[in-house]
Amino acid sequence: MAENDKKPKLNIELPEEVAAGTYSNLAVITHSPTEFVTDFIQIMPGVPKAKVRSRVIMTPQHAKRLMKALIENVKRYESQHGTISEVSGPEAAMPMNFGGPQGEA
């Protein structure tokens, strides 16, 4: 491969205040013809009010790329650590009356 054929490297900066991450146990996804909006929410047991901790807005094309990347990464995870079990029954029900936007997807 010639020197000119190499892909340029992307330098990604991870600020310290972002590096710790944000915990979320619910994601509400809404969309329009031009964008997908994902609100990452933290619900605490016994607390009637939930808080959006982070909002990510992306184009439909990037949303689809994210979906494919998540599918691939879940497959890799399960091949290394075993099947991720899905919660079923009454404990699987998430309270949806917390006042946020209703998901369409």
N, C-alpha and C. Protein backbone atom coordinates (compact mmCIF):
# COMPACT_ATOMS: atom_id res chain seq x y z
N MET A 1 0.85 -1.17 0.00
CA MET A 1 0.00 0.00 0.00
C MET A 1 0.90 1.23 0.00
N ALA A 2 0.60 2.16 -0.86
CA ALA A 2 1.38 3.39 -0.98
C ALA A 2 1.12 4.29 0.22
N GLU A 3 2.05 5.16 0.49
CA GLU A 3 1.94 6.11 1.61
C GLU A 3 0.67 6.95 1.51
N ASN A 4 0.26 7.33 0.30
CA ASN A 4 -0.92 8.17 0.09
C ASN A 4 -2.23 7.42 0.34
N ASP A 5 -2.19 6.06 0.31
CA ASP A 5 -3.40 5.25 0.47
C ASP A 5 -3.81 5.05 1.93
N LYS A 6 -2.96 5.42 2.86
CA LYS A 6 -3.28 5.22 4.27
C LYS A 6 -4.39 6.16 4.70
N LYS A 7 -5.31 5.60 5.52
CA LYS A 7 -6.39 6.43 6.06
C LYS A 7 -5.81 7.37 7.10
N PRO A 8 -6.27 8.62 7.10
CA PRO A 8 -5.78 9.53 8.13
C PRO A 8 -6.32 9.08 9.50
N LYS A 9 -5.51 9.25 10.52
CA LYS A 9 -5.91 8.87 11.87
C LYS A 9 -6.77 9.97 12.46
N LEU A 10 -7.80 9.55 13.18
CA LEU A 10 -8.68 10.49 13.86
C LEU A 10 -8.22 10.64 15.29
N ASN A 11 -7.94 11.85 15.70
CA ASN A 11 -7.50 12.12 17.05
C ASN A 11 -8.73 12.48 17.88
N ILE A 12 -9.13 11.59 18.78
CA ILE A 12 -10.32 11.80 19.59
C ILE A 12 -9.91 12.21 21.00
N GLU A 13 -10.43 13.33 21.44
CA GLU A 13 -10.14 13.83 22.78
C GLU A 13 -11.28 13.43 23.72
N LEU A 14 -10.94 12.91 24.90
CA LEU A 14 -11.92 12.54 25.90
C LEU A 14 -11.69 13.42 27.13
N PRO A 15 -12.48 14.51 27.25
CA PRO A 15 -12.31 15.40 28.39
C PRO A 15 -12.54 14.67 29.72
N GLU A 16 -11.84 15.07 30.74
CA GLU A 16 -11.93 14.42 32.04
C GLU A 16 -13.35 14.39 32.59
N GLU A 17 -14.11 15.48 32.39
CA GLU A 17 -15.47 15.53 32.92
C GLU A 17 -16.42 14.58 32.18
N VAL A 18 -16.05 14.13 30.99
CA VAL A 18 -16.87 13.19 30.23
C VAL A 18 -16.40 11.75 30.46
N ALA A 19 -15.14 11.58 30.79
CA ALA A 19 -14.54 10.25 30.90
C ALA A 19 -15.20 9.37 31.96
N ALA A 20 -15.73 9.94 33.00
CA ALA A 20 -16.36 9.15 34.07
C ALA A 20 -17.67 8.52 33.60
N GLY A 21 -18.28 9.07 32.57
CA GLY A 21 -19.52 8.52 32.04
C GLY A 21 -20.74 8.97 32.82
N THR A 22 -21.90 8.59 32.32
CA THR A 22 -23.17 8.92 32.95
C THR A 22 -23.99 7.65 33.00
N TYR A 23 -24.53 7.32 34.18
CA TYR A 23 -25.34 6.11 34.33
C TYR A 23 -26.74 6.37 33.82
N SER A 24 -27.27 5.42 33.06
CA SER A 24 -28.63 5.50 32.55
C SER A 24 -29.24 4.11 32.60
N ASN A 25 -30.51 4.02 33.03
CA ASN A 25 -31.19 2.73 33.01
C ASN A 25 -32.47 2.78 32.17
N LEU A 26 -32.60 3.83 31.37
CA LEU A 26 -33.71 3.95 30.43
C LEU A 26 -33.29 4.88 29.31
N ALA A 27 -33.65 4.52 28.09
CA ALA A 27 -33.41 5.41 26.95
C ALA A 27 -34.75 5.60 26.23
N VAL A 28 -35.10 6.84 25.96
CA VAL A 28 -36.30 7.16 25.21
C VAL A 28 -35.85 7.72 23.87
N ILE A 29 -36.32 7.09 22.79
CA ILE A 29 -35.89 7.48 21.45
C ILE A 29 -37.08 8.07 20.70
N THR A 30 -36.88 9.27 20.17
CA THR A 30 -37.87 9.90 19.31
C THR A 30 -37.18 10.26 18.00
N HIS A 31 -37.98 10.54 16.98
CA HIS A 31 -37.35 10.87 15.70
C HIS A 31 -38.25 11.76 14.87
N SER A 32 -37.61 12.43 13.94
CA SER A 32 -38.28 13.25 12.94
C SER A 32 -37.73 12.77 11.59
N PRO A 33 -38.17 13.37 10.50
CA PRO A 33 -37.59 12.95 9.21
C PRO A 33 -36.09 13.21 9.09
N THR A 34 -35.55 14.11 9.92
CA THR A 34 -34.14 14.49 9.76
C THR A 34 -33.23 14.12 10.91
N GLU A 35 -33.79 13.66 12.04
CA GLU A 35 -32.91 13.35 13.17
C GLU A 35 -33.54 12.36 14.14
N PHE A 36 -32.67 11.66 14.86
CA PHE A 36 -33.05 10.79 15.97
C PHE A 36 -32.57 11.46 17.24
N VAL A 37 -33.43 11.48 18.25
CA VAL A 37 -33.08 12.06 19.54
C VAL A 37 -33.17 10.95 20.57
N THR A 38 -32.09 10.70 21.28
CA THR A 38 -32.07 9.70 22.33
C THR A 38 -31.81 10.40 23.65
N ASP A 39 -32.78 10.28 24.56
CA ASP A 39 -32.62 10.80 25.91
C ASP A 39 -32.25 9.64 26.82
N PHE A 40 -31.10 9.76 27.48
CA PHE A 40 -30.65 8.76 28.44
C PHE A 40 -31.08 9.22 29.82
N ILE A 41 -31.88 8.39 30.48
CA ILE A 41 -32.57 8.77 31.70
C ILE A 41 -32.14 7.86 32.84
N GLN A 42 -32.11 8.44 34.03
CA GLN A 42 -31.83 7.66 35.23
C GLN A 42 -33.09 7.65 36.09
N ILE A 43 -33.63 6.44 36.29
CA ILE A 43 -34.81 6.26 37.13
C ILE A 43 -34.35 5.63 38.44
N MET A 44 -34.77 6.20 39.55
CA MET A 44 -34.43 5.66 40.86
C MET A 44 -35.67 4.99 41.45
N PRO A 45 -35.53 3.81 42.04
CA PRO A 45 -36.67 3.11 42.62
C PRO A 45 -37.37 3.96 43.68
N GLY A 46 -38.69 4.00 43.60
CA GLY A 46 -39.47 4.72 44.60
C GLY A 46 -39.51 6.23 44.43
N VAL A 47 -38.83 6.75 43.42
CA VAL A 47 -38.82 8.19 43.19
C VAL A 47 -39.70 8.45 41.97
N PRO A 48 -40.76 9.27 42.12
CA PRO A 48 -41.70 9.46 41.01
C PRO A 48 -41.18 10.33 39.87
N LYS A 49 -40.04 10.97 40.05
CA LYS A 49 -39.50 11.85 39.02
C LYS A 49 -38.17 11.30 38.51
N ALA A 50 -38.05 11.23 37.19
CA ALA A 50 -36.80 10.76 36.57
C ALA A 50 -36.13 11.95 35.90
N LYS A 51 -34.83 11.83 35.68
CA LYS A 51 -34.07 12.94 35.12
C LYS A 51 -33.32 12.50 33.87
N VAL A 52 -33.44 13.31 32.82
CA VAL A 52 -32.63 13.08 31.62
C VAL A 52 -31.20 13.45 31.98
N ARG A 53 -30.30 12.50 31.84
CA ARG A 53 -28.89 12.73 32.18
C ARG A 53 -28.08 13.15 30.97
N SER A 54 -28.55 12.75 29.78
CA SER A 54 -27.82 13.10 28.57
C SER A 54 -28.76 12.98 27.38
N ARG A 55 -28.58 13.82 26.39
CA ARG A 55 -29.36 13.77 25.16
C ARG A 55 -28.38 13.72 23.99
N VAL A 56 -28.62 12.76 23.09
CA VAL A 56 -27.78 12.63 21.90
C VAL A 56 -28.68 12.77 20.69
N ILE A 57 -28.31 13.66 19.78
CA ILE A 57 -29.07 13.92 18.56
C ILE A 57 -28.18 13.53 17.38
N MET A 58 -28.75 12.73 16.47
CA MET A 58 -27.96 12.32 15.32
C MET A 58 -28.84 12.17 14.08
N THR A 59 -28.20 12.14 12.93
CA THR A 59 -28.91 11.94 11.68
C THR A 59 -29.42 10.50 11.60
N PRO A 60 -30.44 10.25 10.77
CA PRO A 60 -30.89 8.86 10.60
C PRO A 60 -29.76 7.92 10.14
N GLN A 61 -28.87 8.41 9.30
CA GLN A 61 -27.77 7.58 8.83
C GLN A 61 -26.84 7.19 9.98
N HIS A 62 -26.54 8.15 10.87
CA HIS A 62 -25.68 7.83 12.01
C HIS A 62 -26.41 6.94 13.01
N ALA A 63 -27.72 7.11 13.16
CA ALA A 63 -28.50 6.25 14.05
C ALA A 63 -28.42 4.80 13.57
N LYS A 64 -28.52 4.60 12.26
CA LYS A 64 -28.44 3.25 11.71
C LYS A 64 -27.05 2.66 11.91
N ARG A 65 -26.02 3.48 11.73
CA ARG A 65 -24.65 3.01 11.96
C ARG A 65 -24.45 2.62 13.42
N LEU A 66 -25.03 3.42 14.34
CA LEU A 66 -24.95 3.10 15.76
C LEU A 66 -25.66 1.78 16.05
N MET A 67 -26.85 1.59 15.48
CA MET A 67 -27.60 0.35 15.67
C MET A 67 -26.76 -0.85 15.23
N LYS A 68 -26.15 -0.77 14.05
CA LYS A 68 -25.32 -1.87 13.56
C LYS A 68 -24.11 -2.11 14.46
N ALA A 69 -23.50 -1.04 14.96
CA ALA A 69 -22.35 -1.18 15.85
C ALA A 69 -22.76 -1.82 17.18
N LEU A 70 -23.93 -1.45 17.70
CA LEU A 70 -24.42 -2.06 18.93
C LEU A 70 -24.69 -3.55 18.74
N ILE A 71 -25.33 -3.90 17.62
CA ILE A 71 -25.60 -5.31 17.33
C ILE A 71 -24.30 -6.10 17.29
N GLU A 72 -23.31 -5.58 16.58
CA GLU A 72 -22.02 -6.26 16.46
C GLU A 72 -21.33 -6.39 17.82
N ASN A 73 -21.37 -5.34 18.63
CA ASN A 73 -20.71 -5.39 19.93
C ASN A 73 -21.42 -6.30 20.92
N VAL A 74 -22.75 -6.38 20.86
CA VAL A 74 -23.48 -7.33 21.72
C VAL A 74 -23.11 -8.76 21.32
N LYS A 75 -23.00 -9.03 20.02
CA LYS A 75 -22.59 -10.37 19.56
C LYS A 75 -21.20 -10.71 20.10
N ARG A 76 -20.28 -9.77 20.01
CA ARG A 76 -18.91 -10.01 20.51
C ARG A 76 -18.93 -10.25 22.02
N TYR A 77 -19.68 -9.43 22.75
CA TYR A 77 -19.78 -9.58 24.20
C TYR A 77 -20.30 -10.97 24.56
N GLU A 78 -21.40 -11.38 23.88
CA GLU A 78 -22.00 -12.67 24.20
C GLU A 78 -21.09 -13.84 23.82
N SER A 79 -20.30 -13.68 22.79
CA SER A 79 -19.37 -14.76 22.43
C SER A 79 -18.27 -14.90 23.48
N GLN A 80 -17.93 -13.83 24.18
CA GLN A 80 -16.89 -13.88 25.21
C GLN A 80 -17.45 -14.19 26.60
N HIS A 81 -18.66 -13.68 26.90
CA HIS A 81 -19.18 -13.75 28.27
C HIS A 81 -20.47 -14.53 28.43
N GLY A 82 -21.04 -15.01 27.34
CA GLY A 82 -22.30 -15.74 27.41
C GLY A 82 -23.48 -14.83 27.09
N THR A 83 -24.62 -15.47 26.90
CA THR A 83 -25.83 -14.76 26.51
C THR A 83 -26.28 -13.78 27.57
N ILE A 84 -26.65 -12.60 27.15
CA ILE A 84 -27.22 -11.60 28.04
C ILE A 84 -28.69 -11.96 28.20
N SER A 85 -29.10 -12.24 29.43
CA SER A 85 -30.50 -12.62 29.63
C SER A 85 -31.37 -11.38 29.67
N GLU A 86 -32.55 -11.51 29.09
CA GLU A 86 -33.51 -10.42 29.11
C GLU A 86 -34.45 -10.63 30.29
N VAL A 87 -34.74 -9.57 31.00
CA VAL A 87 -35.65 -9.66 32.14
C VAL A 87 -37.06 -9.80 31.61
N SER A 88 -37.83 -10.71 32.21
CA SER A 88 -39.22 -10.88 31.81
C SER A 88 -40.11 -10.86 33.05
N GLY A 89 -41.38 -10.76 32.82
CA GLY A 89 -42.32 -10.72 33.92
C GLY A 89 -42.53 -9.32 34.44
N PRO A 90 -43.14 -9.19 35.62
CA PRO A 90 -43.48 -7.86 36.16
C PRO A 90 -42.26 -6.97 36.41
N GLU A 91 -41.11 -7.59 36.74
CA GLU A 91 -39.92 -6.78 37.00
C GLU A 91 -39.37 -6.13 35.74
N ALA A 92 -39.80 -6.59 34.56
CA ALA A 92 -39.32 -6.02 33.30
C ALA A 92 -40.06 -4.73 32.95
N ALA A 93 -41.22 -4.51 33.54
CA ALA A 93 -42.02 -3.33 33.21
C ALA A 93 -41.35 -2.08 33.74
N MET A 94 -41.12 -1.13 32.85
CA MET A 94 -40.55 0.15 33.24
C MET A 94 -41.68 1.14 33.43
N PRO A 95 -41.64 1.91 34.49
CA PRO A 95 -42.69 2.92 34.66
C PRO A 95 -42.58 3.96 33.57
N MET A 96 -43.63 4.16 32.81
CA MET A 96 -43.57 5.08 31.69
C MET A 96 -44.36 6.37 31.95
N ASN A 97 -44.74 6.61 33.18
CA ASN A 97 -45.52 7.80 33.49
C ASN A 97 -44.67 8.84 34.21
N PHE A 98 -43.43 8.98 33.79
CA PHE A 98 -42.53 9.91 34.47
C PHE A 98 -42.51 11.31 33.86
N GLY A 99 -43.36 11.53 32.86
CA GLY A 99 -43.51 12.88 32.34
C GLY A 99 -42.62 13.26 31.19
N GLY A 100 -41.78 12.37 30.70
CA GLY A 100 -40.89 12.69 29.59
C GLY A 100 -41.57 12.47 28.26
N PRO A 101 -40.85 12.69 27.16
CA PRO A 101 -41.43 12.48 25.84
C PRO A 101 -41.69 11.01 25.61
N GLN A 102 -42.72 10.68 24.86
CA GLN A 102 -43.05 9.30 24.55
C GLN A 102 -42.26 8.85 23.33
N GLY A 103 -41.69 7.67 23.40
CA GLY A 103 -40.90 7.14 22.30
C GLY A 103 -41.78 6.73 21.13
N GLU A 104 -41.23 6.85 19.94
CA GLU A 104 -41.94 6.45 18.73
C GLU A 104 -41.30 5.23 18.10
N ALA A 105 -40.07 4.90 18.53
CA ALA A 105 -39.37 3.80 17.89
C ALA A 105 -39.28 2.62 18.82
